[in-house]
């Protein structure tokens, strides 16, 4: 970002300088809000694509897991002297364990930092502090 040189008239009054500061501060805040809106738009767009891919992956995953479950239950049942019910129970227990482990991983992921436009919030706080320092308070 290029720095904009500000030319100040040596004959400017205090009131004129304060008015200029107010205008510059207002413009800066507007730009910060525009930046936040752009970030929100980008995040929503990326999130929508992410949801689409996750939905497709979920559908394919469900079909694959059904096939694996049938194969696993049949294989264990064949090993249990043709008792398919033993295979079905064993496959179910294995899948419940896997599901519990995945829920645990998911809960840990939710404990990580939030995704609430942290950079924009920090920049707005920084801008507010700068404005207050310029006003002398």
C-alpha atoms as a PDB file:
ATOM      1  CA  UNK A   1       0.000   0.000   0.000  1.00  0.00           C
ATOM      2  CA  UNK A   2       1.414   3.383  -0.920  1.00  0.00           C
ATOM      3  CA  UNK A   3       1.598   6.136   1.613  1.00  0.00           C
ATOM      4  CA  UNK A   4      -0.324   9.264   0.742  1.00  0.00           C
ATOM      5  CA  UNK A   5       1.520  12.481   1.466  1.00  0.00           C
ATOM      6  CA  UNK A   6      -0.708  15.027   3.165  1.00  0.00           C
ATOM      7  CA  UNK A   7      -0.119  18.650   2.288  1.00  0.00           C
ATOM      8  CA  UNK A   8      -1.050  21.035   5.093  1.00  0.00           C
ATOM      9  CA  UNK A   9      -1.598  24.692   4.451  1.00  0.00           C
ATOM     10  CA  UNK A  10       0.569  26.679   6.916  1.00  0.00           C
ATOM     11  CA  UNK A  11      -2.230  29.250   7.176  1.00  0.00           C
ATOM     12  CA  UNK A  12      -4.862  26.631   8.090  1.00  0.00           C
ATOM     13  CA  UNK A  13      -6.878  27.231  11.220  1.00  0.00           C
ATOM     14  CA  UNK A  14      -7.239  24.774  14.089  1.00  0.00           C
ATOM     15  CA  UNK A  15     -10.908  24.352  13.171  1.00  0.00           C
ATOM     16  CA  UNK A  16      -9.960  23.553   9.580  1.00  0.00           C
ATOM     17  CA  UNK A  17      -7.383  20.992  10.699  1.00  0.00           C
ATOM     18  CA  UNK A  18      -9.895  19.360  13.065  1.00  0.00           C
ATOM     19  CA  UNK A  19     -12.469  19.231  10.230  1.00  0.00           C
ATOM     20  CA  UNK A  20      -9.865  17.653   7.931  1.00  0.00           C
ATOM     21  CA  UNK A  21      -9.008  15.114  10.635  1.00  0.00           C
ATOM     22  CA  UNK A  22     -12.688  14.265  11.018  1.00  0.00           C
ATOM     23  CA  UNK A  23     -13.072  13.791   7.256  1.00  0.00           C
ATOM     24  CA  UNK A  24      -9.943  11.622   7.060  1.00  0.00           C
ATOM     25  CA  UNK A  25     -11.092   9.542  10.041  1.00  0.00           C
ATOM     26  CA  UNK A  26     -14.539   9.049   8.518  1.00  0.00           C
ATOM     27  CA  UNK A  27     -13.042   8.005   5.193  1.00  0.00           C
ATOM     28  CA  UNK A  28     -10.684   5.594   6.961  1.00  0.00           C
ATOM     29  CA  UNK A  29     -13.552   3.993   8.897  1.00  0.00           C
ATOM     30  CA  UNK A  30     -15.634   3.650   5.725  1.00  0.00           C
ATOM     31  CA  UNK A  31     -12.729   1.914   4.006  1.00  0.00           C
ATOM     32  CA  UNK A  32     -12.335  -0.444   6.969  1.00  0.00           C
ATOM     33  CA  UNK A  33     -16.020  -1.359   6.769  1.00  0.00           C
ATOM     34  CA  UNK A  34     -15.737  -1.893   3.004  1.00  0.00           C
ATOM     35  CA  UNK A  35     -12.785  -4.213   3.635  1.00  0.00           C
ATOM     36  CA  UNK A  36     -14.804  -6.159   6.219  1.00  0.00           C
ATOM     37  CA  UNK A  37     -17.683  -6.527   3.731  1.00  0.00           C
ATOM     38  CA  UNK A  38     -15.301  -7.836   1.064  1.00  0.00           C
ATOM     39  CA  UNK A  39     -13.822 -10.328   3.539  1.00  0.00           C
ATOM     40  CA  UNK A  40     -17.310 -11.512   4.539  1.00  0.00           C
ATOM     41  CA  UNK A  41     -18.262 -11.976   0.882  1.00  0.00           C
ATOM     42  CA  UNK A  42     -15.126 -13.979   0.164  1.00  0.00           C
ATOM     43  CA  UNK A  43     -15.651 -16.139   3.246  1.00  0.00           C
ATOM     44  CA  UNK A  44     -19.281 -16.842   2.356  1.00  0.00           C
ATOM     45  CA  UNK A  45     -18.342 -17.808  -1.204  1.00  0.00           C
ATOM     46  CA  UNK A  46     -15.542 -20.106  -0.034  1.00  0.00           C
ATOM     47  CA  UNK A  47     -17.846 -21.572   2.598  1.00  0.00           C
ATOM     48  CA  UNK A  48     -20.574 -22.309   0.056  1.00  0.00           C
ATOM     49  CA  UNK A  49     -18.143 -24.229  -2.153  1.00  0.00           C
ATOM     50  CA  UNK A  50     -16.837 -26.040   0.892  1.00  0.00           C
ATOM     51  CA  UNK A  51     -20.356 -27.087   1.885  1.00  0.00           C
ATOM     52  CA  UNK A  52     -21.039 -28.350  -1.647  1.00  0.00           C
ATOM     53  CA  UNK A  53     -17.881 -30.488  -1.700  1.00  0.00           C
ATOM     54  CA  UNK A  54     -18.573 -31.783   1.798  1.00  0.00           C
ATOM     55  CA  UNK A  55     -22.113 -32.782   0.820  1.00  0.00           C
ATOM     56  CA  UNK A  56     -20.832 -34.660  -2.228  1.00  0.00           C
ATOM     57  CA  UNK A  57     -18.108 -36.324  -0.175  1.00  0.00           C
ATOM     58  CA  UNK A  58     -20.673 -37.310   2.443  1.00  0.00           C
ATOM     59  CA  UNK A  59     -22.921 -38.931  -0.166  1.00  0.00           C
ATOM     60  CA  UNK A  60     -20.054 -40.899  -1.717  1.00  0.00           C
ATOM     61  CA  UNK A  61     -18.770 -41.805   1.743  1.00  0.00           C
ATOM     62  CA  UNK A  62     -22.128 -43.183   2.859  1.00  0.00           C
ATOM     63  CA  UNK A  63     -22.339 -45.421  -0.197  1.00  0.00           C
ATOM     64  CA  UNK A  64     -18.759 -46.622   0.323  1.00  0.00           C
ATOM     65  CA  UNK A  65     -19.338 -47.306   4.016  1.00  0.00           C
ATOM     66  CA  UNK A  66     -22.426 -49.386   3.271  1.00  0.00           C
ATOM     67  CA  UNK A  67     -20.403 -51.504   0.848  1.00  0.00           C
ATOM     68  CA  UNK A  68     -17.529 -51.871   3.355  1.00  0.00           C
ATOM     69  CA  UNK A  69     -19.976 -52.775   6.132  1.00  0.00           C
ATOM     70  CA  UNK A  70     -21.570 -55.509   4.042  1.00  0.00           C
ATOM     71  CA  UNK A  71     -18.171 -56.878   3.033  1.00  0.00           C
ATOM     72  CA  UNK A  72     -16.854 -56.735   6.613  1.00  0.00           C
ATOM     73  CA  UNK A  73     -19.963 -58.368   8.098  1.00  0.00           C
ATOM     74  CA  UNK A  74     -19.901 -61.088   5.438  1.00  0.00           C
ATOM     75  CA  UNK A  75     -16.180 -61.755   5.944  1.00  0.00           C
ATOM     76  CA  UNK A  76     -16.462 -61.987   9.728  1.00  0.00           C
ATOM     77  CA  UNK A  77     -19.632 -64.075   9.422  1.00  0.00           C
ATOM     78  CA  UNK A  78     -17.874 -66.516   7.087  1.00  0.00           C
ATOM     79  CA  UNK A  79     -15.000 -66.811   9.596  1.00  0.00           C
ATOM     80  CA  UNK A  80     -17.593 -67.486  12.356  1.00  0.00           C
ATOM     81  CA  UNK A  81     -18.765 -70.705  10.658  1.00  0.00           C
ATOM     82  CA  UNK A  82     -21.383 -68.973   8.544  1.00  0.00           C
ATOM     83  CA  UNK A  83     -23.012 -67.092  11.426  1.00  0.00           C
ATOM     84  CA  UNK A  84     -23.661 -63.824   9.605  1.00  0.00           C
ATOM     85  CA  UNK A  85     -25.246 -62.276  12.699  1.00  0.00           C
ATOM     86  CA  UNK A  86     -21.857 -62.443  14.447  1.00  0.00           C
ATOM     87  CA  UNK A  87     -20.299 -60.613  11.513  1.00  0.00           C
ATOM     88  CA  UNK A  88     -23.002 -57.957  11.545  1.00  0.00           C
ATOM     89  CA  UNK A  89     -22.578 -57.332  15.289  1.00  0.00           C
ATOM     90  CA  UNK A  90     -18.771 -57.214  15.031  1.00  0.00           C
ATOM     91  CA  UNK A  91     -18.904 -54.803  12.076  1.00  0.00           C
ATOM     92  CA  UNK A  92     -21.402 -52.610  13.970  1.00  0.00           C
ATOM     93  CA  UNK A  93     -19.183 -52.462  17.060  1.00  0.00           C
ATOM     94  CA  UNK A  94     -16.163 -51.529  14.936  1.00  0.00           C
ATOM     95  CA  UNK A  95     -18.107 -48.772  13.190  1.00  0.00           C
ATOM     96  CA  UNK A  96     -19.499 -47.398  16.459  1.00  0.00           C
ATOM     97  CA  UNK A  97     -15.938 -47.181  17.773  1.00  0.00           C
ATOM     98  CA  UNK A  98     -14.792 -45.413  14.620  1.00  0.00           C
ATOM     99  CA  UNK A  99     -17.750 -43.017  14.848  1.00  0.00           C
ATOM    100  CA  UNK A 100     -16.945 -42.196  18.480  1.00  0.00           C
ATOM    101  CA  UNK A 101     -13.343 -41.459  17.574  1.00  0.00           C
ATOM    102  CA  UNK A 102     -14.442 -39.148  14.726  1.00  0.00           C
ATOM    103  CA  UNK A 103     -16.846 -37.310  17.065  1.00  0.00           C
ATOM    104  CA  UNK A 104     -13.966 -36.822  19.512  1.00  0.00           C
ATOM    105  CA  UNK A 105     -11.775 -35.344  16.743  1.00  0.00           C
ATOM    106  CA  UNK A 106     -14.611 -33.070  15.650  1.00  0.00           C
ATOM    107  CA  UNK A 107     -15.146 -31.760  19.176  1.00  0.00           C
ATOM    108  CA  UNK A 108     -11.440 -30.984  19.471  1.00  0.00           C
ATOM    109  CA  UNK A 109     -11.581 -29.052  16.200  1.00  0.00           C
ATOM    110  CA  UNK A 110     -14.436 -26.886  17.499  1.00  0.00           C
ATOM    111  CA  UNK A 111     -12.234 -25.910  20.438  1.00  0.00           C
ATOM    112  CA  UNK A 112      -9.736 -24.172  18.151  1.00  0.00           C
ATOM    113  CA  UNK A 113      -9.784 -20.389  17.463  1.00  0.00           C
ATOM    114  CA  UNK A 114     -12.929 -18.901  15.957  1.00  0.00           C
ATOM    115  CA  UNK A 115     -13.362 -17.746  12.386  1.00  0.00           C
ATOM    116  CA  UNK A 116     -14.907 -14.342  13.028  1.00  0.00           C
ATOM    117  CA  UNK A 117     -12.879 -11.970  10.880  1.00  0.00           C
ATOM    118  CA  UNK A 118     -10.192 -11.456  13.501  1.00  0.00           C
ATOM    119  CA  UNK A 119      -7.981  -9.379  11.233  1.00  0.00           C
ATOM    120  CA  UNK A 120     -10.773  -6.925  10.438  1.00  0.00           C
ATOM    121  CA  UNK A 121     -11.678  -6.580  14.114  1.00  0.00           C
ATOM    122  CA  UNK A 122      -8.055  -5.949  15.074  1.00  0.00           C
ATOM    123  CA  UNK A 123      -7.705  -3.353  12.323  1.00  0.00           C
ATOM    124  CA  UNK A 124     -10.892  -1.559  13.427  1.00  0.00           C
ATOM    125  CA  UNK A 125      -9.631  -1.429  17.019  1.00  0.00           C
ATOM    126  CA  UNK A 126      -6.294  -0.114  15.764  1.00  0.00           C
ATOM    127  CA  UNK A 127      -8.049   2.536  13.670  1.00  0.00           C
ATOM    128  CA  UNK A 128     -10.202   3.597  16.610  1.00  0.00           C
ATOM    129  CA  UNK A 129      -7.092   3.946  18.776  1.00  0.00           C
ATOM    130  CA  UNK A 130      -5.377   6.025  16.108  1.00  0.00           C
ATOM    131  CA  UNK A 131      -8.389   8.347  15.838  1.00  0.00           C
ATOM    132  CA  UNK A 132      -8.508   8.797  19.609  1.00  0.00           C
ATOM    133  CA  UNK A 133      -4.770   9.587  19.714  1.00  0.00           C
ATOM    134  CA  UNK A 134      -5.211  12.143  16.923  1.00  0.00           C
ATOM    135  CA  UNK A 135      -8.034  13.829  18.804  1.00  0.00           C
ATOM    136  CA  UNK A 136      -5.838  13.956  21.873  1.00  0.00           C
ATOM    137  CA  UNK A 137      -7.937  11.725  24.059  1.00  0.00           C
END
